[in-house]
Amino acid sequence: MNKLRSFRFPEEKLKLLKELAERRHDNNKTQALLEAIDRYYEELNPPSLQGYIRIDQIHDLNGNENCPGCNQSLGSGAWIAVYSNGTVKGMLCDDCVEARRA
């Protein structure tokens, strides 16, 4: 991960940050600032799609075996998208993987 050497908040955002520090972090401004920088960094550098993993057998305890991307039935197999920050998204159908809809 890249380190931010210089980072400035606009004055109005700094006031909001101080209020958030009081409410959510027991007035710990350092902790509030670290959380804010993490969120800004993720917005500026969103995780990239690294690839897909094929799942051959699906068993959904909720009985919902439709693709969240296009709502078609997943059938006998599905895919999980893997991102650079370690997060995953799934279960996707073959068509959504082909169209890179993750």
PDB file of N, CA and C in Angstrom:
ATOM      1  N   MET A   1       0.835  -1.168   0.000  1.00  0.00           N
ATOM      2  CA  MET A   1       0.000   0.000   0.000  1.00  0.00           C
ATOM      3  C   MET A   1       0.885   1.238   0.000  1.00  0.00           C
ATOM      4  N   ASN A   2       0.519   2.226  -0.786  1.00  0.00           N
ATOM      5  CA  ASN A   2       1.265   3.476  -0.839  1.00  0.00           C
ATOM      6  C   ASN A   2       1.016   4.302   0.411  1.00  0.00           C
ATOM      7  N   LYS A   3       2.019   5.042   0.831  1.00  0.00           N
ATOM      8  CA  LYS A   3       1.869   5.932   1.977  1.00  0.00           C
ATOM      9  C   LYS A   3       1.564   7.331   1.484  1.00  0.00           C
ATOM     10  N   LEU A   4       0.656   7.988   2.173  1.00  0.00           N
ATOM     11  CA  LEU A   4       0.329   9.367   1.842  1.00  0.00           C
ATOM     12  C   LEU A   4       1.287  10.274   2.593  1.00  0.00           C
ATOM     13  N   ARG A   5       2.037  11.088   1.890  1.00  0.00           N
ATOM     14  CA  ARG A   5       3.026  11.972   2.516  1.00  0.00           C
ATOM     15  C   ARG A   5       2.401  13.285   2.979  1.00  0.00           C
ATOM     16  N   SER A   6       1.455  13.781   2.225  1.00  0.00           N
ATOM     17  CA  SER A   6       0.841  15.054   2.547  1.00  0.00           C
ATOM     18  C   SER A   6      -0.652  14.935   2.273  1.00  0.00           C
ATOM     19  N   PHE A   7      -1.439  15.340   3.238  1.00  0.00           N
ATOM     20  CA  PHE A   7      -2.880  15.195   3.095  1.00  0.00           C
ATOM     21  C   PHE A   7      -3.542  16.365   3.816  1.00  0.00           C
ATOM     22  N   ARG A   8      -4.366  17.140   3.126  1.00  0.00           N
ATOM     23  CA  ARG A   8      -5.055  18.279   3.736  1.00  0.00           C
ATOM     24  C   ARG A   8      -6.555  18.132   3.568  1.00  0.00           C
ATOM     25  N   PHE A   9      -7.259  18.449   4.638  1.00  0.00           N
ATOM     26  CA  PHE A   9      -8.712  18.476   4.607  1.00  0.00           C
ATOM     27  C   PHE A   9      -9.165  19.922   4.419  1.00  0.00           C
ATOM     28  N   PRO A  10     -10.229  20.131   3.647  1.00  0.00           N
ATOM     29  CA  PRO A  10     -10.819  21.475   3.605  1.00  0.00           C
ATOM     30  C   PRO A  10     -11.348  21.839   4.993  1.00  0.00           C
ATOM     31  N   GLU A  11     -11.421  23.114   5.292  1.00  0.00           N
ATOM     32  CA  GLU A  11     -11.805  23.590   6.623  1.00  0.00           C
ATOM     33  C   GLU A  11     -13.153  23.025   7.090  1.00  0.00           C
ATOM     34  N   GLU A  12     -14.153  23.006   6.187  1.00  0.00           N
ATOM     35  CA  GLU A  12     -15.477  22.490   6.594  1.00  0.00           C
ATOM     36  C   GLU A  12     -15.426  20.989   6.893  1.00  0.00           C
ATOM     37  N   LYS A  13     -14.586  20.242   6.168  1.00  0.00           N
ATOM     38  CA  LYS A  13     -14.443  18.807   6.436  1.00  0.00           C
ATOM     39  C   LYS A  13     -13.704  18.580   7.751  1.00  0.00           C
ATOM     40  N   LEU A  14     -12.786  19.463   8.072  1.00  0.00           N
ATOM     41  CA  LEU A  14     -12.049  19.352   9.325  1.00  0.00           C
ATOM     42  C   LEU A  14     -12.977  19.553  10.522  1.00  0.00           C
ATOM     43  N   LYS A  15     -13.928  20.479  10.396  1.00  0.00           N
ATOM     44  CA  LYS A  15     -14.912  20.689  11.466  1.00  0.00           C
ATOM     45  C   LYS A  15     -15.774  19.440  11.645  1.00  0.00           C
ATOM     46  N   LEU A  16     -16.204  18.843  10.531  1.00  0.00           N
ATOM     47  CA  LEU A  16     -16.985  17.606  10.615  1.00  0.00           C
ATOM     48  C   LEU A  16     -16.167  16.475  11.216  1.00  0.00           C
ATOM     49  N   LEU A  17     -14.891  16.412  10.870  1.00  0.00           N
ATOM     50  CA  LEU A  17     -14.017  15.381  11.412  1.00  0.00           C
ATOM     51  C   LEU A  17     -13.901  15.505  12.928  1.00  0.00           C
ATOM     52  N   LYS A  18     -13.793  16.737  13.439  1.00  0.00           N
ATOM     53  CA  LYS A  18     -13.717  16.954  14.883  1.00  0.00           C
ATOM     54  C   LYS A  18     -15.012  16.515  15.566  1.00  0.00           C
ATOM     55  N   GLU A  19     -16.145  16.800  14.939  1.00  0.00           N
ATOM     56  CA  GLU A  19     -17.432  16.364  15.497  1.00  0.00           C
ATOM     57  C   GLU A  19     -17.530  14.836  15.519  1.00  0.00           C
ATOM     58  N   LEU A  20     -17.089  14.202  14.432  1.00  0.00           N
ATOM     59  CA  LEU A  20     -17.103  12.741  14.389  1.00  0.00           C
ATOM     60  C   LEU A  20     -16.178  12.146  15.441  1.00  0.00           C
ATOM     61  N   ALA A  21     -15.048  12.759  15.661  1.00  0.00           N
ATOM     62  CA  ALA A  21     -14.114  12.277  16.675  1.00  0.00           C
ATOM     63  C   ALA A  21     -14.769  12.311  18.052  1.00  0.00           C
ATOM     64  N   GLU A  22     -15.502  13.376  18.320  1.00  0.00           N
ATOM     65  CA  GLU A  22     -16.187  13.485  19.608  1.00  0.00           C
ATOM     66  C   GLU A  22     -17.266  12.426  19.760  1.00  0.00           C
ATOM     67  N   ARG A  23     -18.069  12.222  18.706  1.00  0.00           N
ATOM     68  CA  ARG A  23     -19.206  11.304  18.793  1.00  0.00           C
ATOM     69  C   ARG A  23     -18.823   9.839  18.699  1.00  0.00           C
ATOM     70  N   ARG A  24     -17.921   9.498  17.776  1.00  0.00           N
ATOM     71  CA  ARG A  24     -17.668   8.084  17.488  1.00  0.00           C
ATOM     72  C   ARG A  24     -16.370   7.534  18.054  1.00  0.00           C
ATOM     73  N   HIS A  25     -15.450   8.415  18.443  1.00  0.00           N
ATOM     74  CA  HIS A  25     -14.130   7.935  18.855  1.00  0.00           C
ATOM     75  C   HIS A  25     -13.706   8.495  20.208  1.00  0.00           C
ATOM     76  N   ASP A  26     -14.655   8.776  21.078  1.00  0.00           N
ATOM     77  CA  ASP A  26     -14.368   9.305  22.413  1.00  0.00           C
ATOM     78  C   ASP A  26     -13.392  10.480  22.371  1.00  0.00           C
ATOM     79  N   ASN A  27     -13.616  11.370  21.421  1.00  0.00           N
ATOM     80  CA  ASN A  27     -12.818  12.580  21.211  1.00  0.00           C
ATOM     81  C   ASN A  27     -11.366  12.279  20.819  1.00  0.00           C
ATOM     82  N   ASN A  28     -11.106  11.085  20.306  1.00  0.00           N
ATOM     83  CA  ASN A  28      -9.769  10.720  19.827  1.00  0.00           C
ATOM     84  C   ASN A  28      -9.646  11.159  18.369  1.00  0.00           C
ATOM     85  N   LYS A  29      -9.089  12.349  18.159  1.00  0.00           N
ATOM     86  CA  LYS A  29      -8.994  12.917  16.809  1.00  0.00           C
ATOM     87  C   LYS A  29      -8.049  12.118  15.919  1.00  0.00           C
ATOM     88  N   THR A  30      -7.024  11.523  16.508  1.00  0.00           N
ATOM     89  CA  THR A  30      -6.078  10.724  15.717  1.00  0.00           C
ATOM     90  C   THR A  30      -6.783   9.515  15.116  1.00  0.00           C
ATOM     91  N   GLN A  31      -7.581   8.832  15.915  1.00  0.00           N
ATOM     92  CA  GLN A  31      -8.302   7.660  15.420  1.00  0.00           C
ATOM     93  C   GLN A  31      -9.297   8.058  14.338  1.00  0.00           C
ATOM     94  N   ALA A  32      -9.985   9.161  14.532  1.00  0.00           N
ATOM     95  CA  ALA A  32     -10.930   9.641  13.518  1.00  0.00           C
ATOM     96  C   ALA A  32     -10.199  10.012  12.236  1.00  0.00           C
ATOM     97  N   LEU A  33      -9.042  10.628  12.350  1.00  0.00           N
ATOM     98  CA  LEU A  33      -8.257  11.011  11.179  1.00  0.00           C
ATOM     99  C   LEU A  33      -7.762   9.778  10.425  1.00  0.00           C
ATOM    100  N   LEU A  34      -7.286   8.772  11.145  1.00  0.00           N
ATOM    101  CA  LEU A  34      -6.828   7.539  10.494  1.00  0.00           C
ATOM    102  C   LEU A  34      -7.959   6.858   9.729  1.00  0.00           C
ATOM    103  N   GLU A  35      -9.140   6.808  10.324  1.00  0.00           N
ATOM    104  CA  GLU A  35     -10.286   6.202   9.648  1.00  0.00           C
ATOM    105  C   GLU A  35     -10.668   7.003   8.407  1.00  0.00           C
ATOM    106  N   ALA A  36     -10.628   8.332   8.503  1.00  0.00           N
ATOM    107  CA  ALA A  36     -10.966   9.177   7.359  1.00  0.00           C
ATOM    108  C   ALA A  36      -9.971   8.984   6.221  1.00  0.00           C
ATOM    109  N   ILE A  37      -8.691   8.933   6.540  1.00  0.00           N
ATOM    110  CA  ILE A  37      -7.676   8.737   5.503  1.00  0.00           C
ATOM    111  C   ILE A  37      -7.854   7.380   4.834  1.00  0.00           C
ATOM    112  N   ASP A  38      -8.129   6.344   5.627  1.00  0.00           N
ATOM    113  CA  ASP A  38      -8.371   5.012   5.046  1.00  0.00           C
ATOM    114  C   ASP A  38      -9.520   5.047   4.060  1.00  0.00           C
ATOM    115  N   ARG A  39     -10.596   5.722   4.430  1.00  0.00           N
ATOM    116  CA  ARG A  39     -11.764   5.787   3.539  1.00  0.00           C
ATOM    117  C   ARG A  39     -11.459   6.589   2.279  1.00  0.00           C
ATOM    118  N   TYR A  40     -10.765   7.726   2.428  1.00  0.00           N
ATOM    119  CA  TYR A  40     -10.395   8.515   1.258  1.00  0.00           C
ATOM    120  C   TYR A  40      -9.465   7.727   0.346  1.00  0.00           C
ATOM    121  N   TYR A  41      -8.512   7.022   0.929  1.00  0.00           N
ATOM    122  CA  TYR A  41      -7.559   6.254   0.134  1.00  0.00           C
ATOM    123  C   TYR A  41      -8.285   5.193  -0.694  1.00  0.00           C
ATOM    124  N   GLU A  42      -9.243   4.515  -0.077  1.00  0.00           N
ATOM    125  CA  GLU A  42      -9.988   3.476  -0.794  1.00  0.00           C
ATOM    126  C   GLU A  42     -10.825   4.067  -1.916  1.00  0.00           C
ATOM    127  N   GLU A  43     -11.388   5.265  -1.695  1.00  0.00           N
ATOM    128  CA  GLU A  43     -12.155   5.918  -2.758  1.00  0.00           C
ATOM    129  C   GLU A  43     -11.255   6.329  -3.912  1.00  0.00           C
ATOM    130  N   LEU A  44     -10.060   6.811  -3.593  1.00  0.00           N
ATOM    131  CA  LEU A  44      -9.134   7.259  -4.629  1.00  0.00           C
ATOM    132  C   LEU A  44      -8.452   6.093  -5.341  1.00  0.00           C
ATOM    133  N   ASN A  45      -8.300   4.974  -4.642  1.00  0.00           N
ATOM    134  CA  ASN A  45      -7.633   3.792  -5.203  1.00  0.00           C
ATOM    135  C   ASN A  45      -8.518   2.568  -5.002  1.00  0.00           C
ATOM    136  N   PRO A  46      -9.619   2.466  -5.742  1.00  0.00           N
ATOM    137  CA  PRO A  46     -10.528   1.330  -5.545  1.00  0.00           C
ATOM    138  C   PRO A  46      -9.840   0.014  -5.891  1.00  0.00           C
ATOM    139  N   PRO A  47     -10.245  -1.069  -5.221  1.00  0.00           N
ATOM    140  CA  PRO A  47      -9.644  -2.373  -5.508  1.00  0.00           C
ATOM    141  C   PRO A  47      -9.931  -2.805  -6.944  1.00  0.00           C
ATOM    142  N   SER A  48      -8.974  -3.482  -7.535  1.00  0.00           N
ATOM    143  CA  SER A  48      -9.141  -3.940  -8.913  1.00  0.00           C
ATOM    144  C   SER A  48      -9.490  -5.426  -8.932  1.00  0.00           C
ATOM    145  N   LEU A  49     -10.219  -5.811  -9.949  1.00  0.00           N
ATOM    146  CA  LEU A  49     -10.606  -7.201 -10.130  1.00  0.00           C
ATOM    147  C   LEU A  49      -9.381  -8.008 -10.540  1.00  0.00           C
ATOM    148  N   GLN A  50      -9.070  -9.051  -9.765  1.00  0.00           N
ATOM    149  CA  GLN A  50      -7.905  -9.877 -10.045  1.00  0.00           C
ATOM    150  C   GLN A  50      -8.247 -11.106 -10.877  1.00  0.00           C
ATOM    151  N   GLY A  51      -9.466 -11.618 -10.705  1.00  0.00           N
ATOM    152  CA  GLY A  51      -9.871 -12.786 -11.462  1.00  0.00           C
ATOM    153  C   GLY A  51     -11.092 -13.446 -10.848  1.00  0.00           C
ATOM    154  N   TYR A  52     -11.397 -14.633 -11.332  1.00  0.00           N
ATOM    155  CA  TYR A  52     -12.587 -15.366 -10.896  1.00  0.00           C
ATOM    156  C   TYR A  52     -12.198 -16.775 -10.483  1.00  0.00           C
ATOM    157  N   ILE A  53     -12.967 -17.305  -9.542  1.00  0.00           N
ATOM    158  CA  ILE A  53     -12.823 -18.698  -9.118  1.00  0.00           C
ATOM    159  C   ILE A  53     -14.120 -19.413  -9.445  1.00  0.00           C
ATOM    160  N   ARG A  54     -14.016 -20.553 -10.101  1.00  0.00           N
ATOM    161  CA  ARG A  54     -15.205 -21.335 -10.495  1.00  0.00           C
ATOM    162  C   ARG A  54     -15.639 -22.231  -9.341  1.00  0.00           C
ATOM    163  N   ILE A  55     -16.917 -22.183  -9.010  1.00  0.00           N
ATOM    164  CA  ILE A  55     -17.526 -23.047  -7.996  1.00  0.00           C
ATOM    165  C   ILE A  55     -18.396 -24.044  -8.741  1.00  0.00           C
ATOM    166  N   ASP A  56     -18.093 -25.334  -8.599  1.00  0.00           N
ATOM    167  CA  ASP A  56     -18.815 -26.355  -9.361  1.00  0.00           C
ATOM    168  C   ASP A  56     -20.150 -26.742  -8.762  1.00  0.00           C
ATOM    169  N   GLN A  57     -20.240 -26.798  -7.443  1.00  0.00           N
ATOM    170  CA  GLN A  57     -21.496 -27.199  -6.812  1.00  0.00           C
ATOM    171  C   GLN A  57     -21.970 -26.084  -5.903  1.00  0.00           C
ATOM    172  N   ILE A  58     -23.235 -25.753  -6.052  1.00  0.00           N
ATOM    173  CA  ILE A  58     -23.825 -24.656  -5.286  1.00  0.00           C
ATOM    174  C   ILE A  58     -24.910 -25.208  -4.382  1.00  0.00           C
ATOM    175  N   HIS A  59     -24.904 -24.768  -3.133  1.00  0.00           N
ATOM    176  CA  HIS A  59     -26.006 -25.084  -2.234  1.00  0.00           C
ATOM    177  C   HIS A  59     -26.276 -23.837  -1.419  1.00  0.00           C
ATOM    178  N   ASP A  60     -27.335 -23.147  -1.727  1.00  0.00           N
ATOM    179  CA  ASP A  60     -27.722 -21.930  -1.035  1.00  0.00           C
ATOM    180  C   ASP A  60     -28.788 -22.279  -0.014  1.00  0.00           C
ATOM    181  N   LEU A  61     -28.505 -22.016   1.251  1.00  0.00           N
ATOM    182  CA  LEU A  61     -29.451 -22.361   2.315  1.00  0.00           C
ATOM    183  C   LEU A  61     -30.738 -21.555   2.220  1.00  0.00           C
ATOM    184  N   ASN A  62     -30.699 -20.390   1.585  1.00  0.00           N
ATOM    185  CA  ASN A  62     -31.892 -19.559   1.450  1.00  0.00           C
ATOM    186  C   ASN A  62     -32.755 -19.957   0.257  1.00  0.00           C
ATOM    187  N   GLY A  63     -32.255 -20.859  -0.557  1.00  0.00           N
ATOM    188  CA  GLY A  63     -33.014 -21.284  -1.723  1.00  0.00           C
ATOM    189  C   GLY A  63     -32.942 -20.304  -2.880  1.00  0.00           C
ATOM    190  N   ASN A  64     -32.135 -19.281  -2.765  1.00  0.00           N
ATOM    191  CA  ASN A  64     -32.007 -18.274  -3.812  1.00  0.00           C
ATOM    192  C   ASN A  64     -30.754 -18.578  -4.621  1.00  0.00           C
ATOM    193  N   GLU A  65     -30.927 -19.189  -5.763  1.00  0.00           N
ATOM    194  CA  GLU A  65     -29.797 -19.558  -6.593  1.00  0.00           C
ATOM    195  C   GLU A  65     -29.797 -18.769  -7.896  1.00  0.00           C
ATOM    196  N   ASN A  66     -30.037 -17.461  -7.797  1.00  0.00           N
ATOM    197  CA  ASN A  66     -30.015 -16.582  -8.953  1.00  0.00           C
ATOM    198  C   ASN A  66     -28.809 -15.664  -8.870  1.00  0.00           C
ATOM    199  N   CYS A  67     -28.306 -15.298 -10.014  1.00  0.00           N
ATOM    200  CA  CYS A  67     -27.166 -14.396 -10.106  1.00  0.00           C
ATOM    201  C   CYS A  67     -27.589 -12.993  -9.662  1.00  0.00           C
ATOM    202  N   PRO A  68     -26.835 -12.346  -8.758  1.00  0.00           N
ATOM    203  CA  PRO A  68     -27.197 -10.989  -8.348  1.00  0.00           C
ATOM    204  C   PRO A  68     -26.982  -9.957  -9.452  1.00  0.00           C
ATOM    205  N   GLY A  69     -26.157 -10.286 -10.452  1.00  0.00           N
ATOM    206  CA  GLY A  69     -25.879  -9.356 -11.541  1.00  0.00           C
ATOM    207  C   GLY A  69     -26.999  -9.271 -12.562  1.00  0.00           C
ATOM    208  N   CYS A  70     -27.601 -10.436 -12.891  1.00  0.00           N
ATOM    209  CA  CYS A  70     -28.620 -10.437 -13.953  1.00  0.00           C
ATOM    210  C   CYS A  70     -29.889 -11.190 -13.557  1.00  0.00           C
ATOM    211  N   ASN A  71     -29.895 -11.803 -12.379  1.00  0.00           N
ATOM    212  CA  ASN A  71     -31.040 -12.508 -11.814  1.00  0.00           C
ATOM    213  C   ASN A  71     -31.407 -13.790 -12.561  1.00  0.00           C
ATOM    214  N   GLN A  72     -30.532 -14.300 -13.403  1.00  0.00           N
ATOM    215  CA  GLN A  72     -30.830 -15.580 -14.050  1.00  0.00           C
ATOM    216  C   GLN A  72     -30.349 -16.716 -13.147  1.00  0.00           C
ATOM    217  N   SER A  73     -30.877 -17.898 -13.356  1.00  0.00           N
ATOM    218  CA  SER A  73     -30.538 -19.054 -12.546  1.00  0.00           C
ATOM    219  C   SER A  73     -29.071 -19.419 -12.718  1.00  0.00           C
ATOM    220  N   LEU A  74     -28.425 -19.773 -11.626  1.00  0.00           N
ATOM    221  CA  LEU A  74     -27.015 -20.138 -11.681  1.00  0.00           C
ATOM    222  C   LEU A  74     -26.796 -21.545 -12.209  1.00  0.00           C
ATOM    223  N   GLY A  75     -27.805 -22.381 -12.168  1.00  0.00           N
ATOM    224  CA  GLY A  75     -27.658 -23.731 -12.688  1.00  0.00           C
ATOM    225  C   GLY A  75     -26.729 -24.568 -11.836  1.00  0.00           C
ATOM    226  N   SER A  76     -25.803 -25.264 -12.477  1.00  0.00           N
ATOM    227  CA  SER A  76     -24.941 -26.191 -11.748  1.00  0.00           C
ATOM    228  C   SER A  76     -23.616 -25.578 -11.313  1.00  0.00           C
ATOM    229  N   GLY A  77     -23.311 -24.380 -11.724  1.00  0.00           N
ATOM    230  CA  GLY A  77     -22.039 -23.778 -11.348  1.00  0.00           C
ATOM    231  C   GLY A  77     -22.119 -22.276 -11.279  1.00  0.00           C
ATOM    232  N   ALA A  78     -21.125 -21.681 -10.646  1.00  0.00           N
ATOM    233  CA  ALA A  78     -21.095 -20.229 -10.515  1.00  0.00           C
ATOM    234  C   ALA A  78     -19.648 -19.779 -10.348  1.00  0.00           C
ATOM    235  N   TRP A  79     -19.463 -18.480 -10.329  1.00  0.00           N
ATOM    236  CA  TRP A  79     -18.149 -17.877 -10.199  1.00  0.00           C
ATOM    237  C   TRP A  79     -18.122 -16.906  -9.024  1.00  0.00           C
ATOM    238  N   ILE A  80     -16.947 -16.735  -8.436  1.00  0.00           N
ATOM    239  CA  ILE A  80     -16.717 -15.740  -7.394  1.00  0.00           C
ATOM    240  C   ILE A  80     -15.623 -14.815  -7.904  1.00  0.00           C
ATOM    241  N   ALA A  81     -15.858 -13.505  -7.831  1.00  0.00           N
ATOM    242  CA  ALA A  81     -14.863 -12.514  -8.245  1.00  0.00           C
ATOM    243  C   ALA A  81     -13.936 -12.217  -7.070  1.00  0.00           C
ATOM    244  N   VAL A  82     -12.629 -12.123  -7.339  1.00  0.00           N
ATOM    245  CA  VAL A  82     -11.622 -11.844  -6.314  1.00  0.00           C
ATOM    246  C   VAL A  82     -10.964 -10.502  -6.634  1.00  0.00           C
ATOM    247  N   TYR A  83     -10.889  -9.625  -5.612  1.00  0.00           N
ATOM    248  CA  TYR A  83     -10.337  -8.281  -5.795  1.00  0.00           C
ATOM    249  C   TYR A  83      -8.973  -8.137  -5.120  1.00  0.00           C
ATOM    250  N   SER A  84      -8.244  -7.088  -5.502  1.00  0.00           N
ATOM    251  CA  SER A  84      -6.875  -6.874  -5.041  1.00  0.00           C
ATOM    252  C   SER A  84      -6.765  -6.637  -3.535  1.00  0.00           C
ATOM    253  N   ASN A  85      -7.833  -6.195  -2.888  1.00  0.00           N
ATOM    254  CA  ASN A  85      -7.785  -5.962  -1.447  1.00  0.00           C
ATOM    255  C   ASN A  85      -8.219  -7.194  -0.643  1.00  0.00           C
ATOM    256  N   GLY A  86      -8.435  -8.314  -1.331  1.00  0.00           N
ATOM    257  CA  GLY A  86      -8.795  -9.557  -0.654  1.00  0.00           C
ATOM    258  C   GLY A  86     -10.282  -9.810  -0.539  1.00  0.00           C
ATOM    259  N   THR A  87     -11.109  -8.873  -0.954  1.00  0.00           N
ATOM    260  CA  THR A  87     -12.543  -9.080  -0.894  1.00  0.00           C
ATOM    261  C   THR A  87     -12.999  -9.940  -2.072  1.00  0.00           C
ATOM    262  N   VAL A  88     -14.147 -10.565  -1.892  1.00  0.00           N
ATOM    263  CA  VAL A  88     -14.728 -11.391  -2.946  1.00  0.00           C
ATOM    264  C   VAL A  88     -16.167 -10.967  -3.179  1.00  0.00           C
ATOM    265  N   LYS A  89     -16.667 -11.260  -4.385  1.00  0.00           N
ATOM    266  CA  LYS A  89     -18.065 -10.997  -4.714  1.00  0.00           C
ATOM    267  C   LYS A  89     -18.577 -12.201  -5.478  1.00  0.00           C
ATOM    268  N   GLY A  90     -19.697 -12.676  -5.131  1.00  0.00           N
ATOM    269  CA  GLY A  90     -20.239 -13.827  -5.834  1.00  0.00           C
ATOM    270  C   GLY A  90     -21.639 -14.036  -5.374  1.00  0.00           C
ATOM    271  N   MET A  91     -22.152 -14.940  -5.890  1.00  0.00           N
ATOM    272  CA  MET A  91     -21.959 -15.938  -6.895  1.00  0.00           C
ATOM    273  C   MET A  91     -22.465 -15.377  -8.216  1.00  0.00           C
ATOM    274  N   LEU A  92     -21.666 -15.430  -9.230  1.00  0.00           N
ATOM    275  CA  LEU A  92     -21.992 -14.854 -10.523  1.00  0.00           C
ATOM    276  C   LEU A  92     -22.158 -15.943 -11.569  1.00  0.00           C
ATOM    277  N   CYS A  93     -23.012 -15.684 -12.551  1.00  0.00           N
ATOM    278  CA  CYS A  93     -23.228 -16.653 -13.638  1.00  0.00           C
ATOM    279  C   CYS A  93     -22.157 -16.488 -14.716  1.00  0.00           C
ATOM    280  N   ASP A  94     -22.127 -17.434 -15.667  1.00  0.00           N
ATOM    281  CA  ASP A  94     -21.161 -17.391 -16.757  1.00  0.00           C
ATOM    282  C   ASP A  94     -21.282 -16.107 -17.571  1.00  0.00           C
ATOM    283  N   ASP A  95     -22.516 -15.656 -17.854  1.00  0.00           N
ATOM    284  CA  ASP A  95     -22.721 -14.465 -18.669  1.00  0.00           C
ATOM    285  C   ASP A  95     -22.159 -13.210 -17.996  1.00  0.00           C
ATOM    286  N   CYS A  96     -22.364 -13.081 -16.685  1.00  0.00           N
ATOM    287  CA  CYS A  96     -21.852 -11.914 -15.963  1.00  0.00           C
ATOM    288  C   CYS A  96     -20.323 -11.922 -15.912  1.00  0.00           C
ATOM    289  N   VAL A  97     -19.740 -13.096 -15.803  1.00  0.00           N
ATOM    290  CA  VAL A  97     -18.275 -13.196 -15.812  1.00  0.00           C
ATOM    291  C   VAL A  97     -17.753 -12.801 -17.176  1.00  0.00           C
ATOM    292  N   GLU A  98     -18.385 -13.274 -18.232  1.00  0.00           N
ATOM    293  CA  GLU A  98     -17.968 -12.916 -19.591  1.00  0.00           C
ATOM    294  C   GLU A  98     -18.061 -11.407 -19.819  1.00  0.00           C
ATOM    295  N   ALA A  99     -19.100 -10.781 -19.260  1.00  0.00           N
ATOM    296  CA  ALA A  99     -19.307  -9.349 -19.429  1.00  0.00           C
ATOM    297  C   ALA A  99     -18.534  -8.542 -18.378  1.00  0.00           C
ATOM    298  N   ARG A 100     -17.848  -9.221 -17.453  1.00  0.00           N
ATOM    299  CA  ARG A 100     -17.091  -8.603 -16.359  1.00  0.00           C
ATOM    300  C   ARG A 100     -17.976  -7.654 -15.546  1.00  0.00           C
ATOM    301  N   ARG A 101     -19.130  -8.182 -15.105  1.00  0.00           N
ATOM    302  CA  ARG A 101     -20.090  -7.390 -14.323  1.00  0.00           C
ATOM    303  C   ARG A 101     -19.845  -7.471 -12.831  1.00  0.00           C
ATOM    304  N   ALA A 102     -18.704  -7.895 -12.398  1.00  0.00           N
ATOM    305  CA  ALA A 102     -18.446  -8.017 -10.959  1.00  0.00           C
ATOM    306  C   ALA A 102     -18.129  -6.685 -10.331  1.00  0.00           C
TER     307      ALA A 102
END
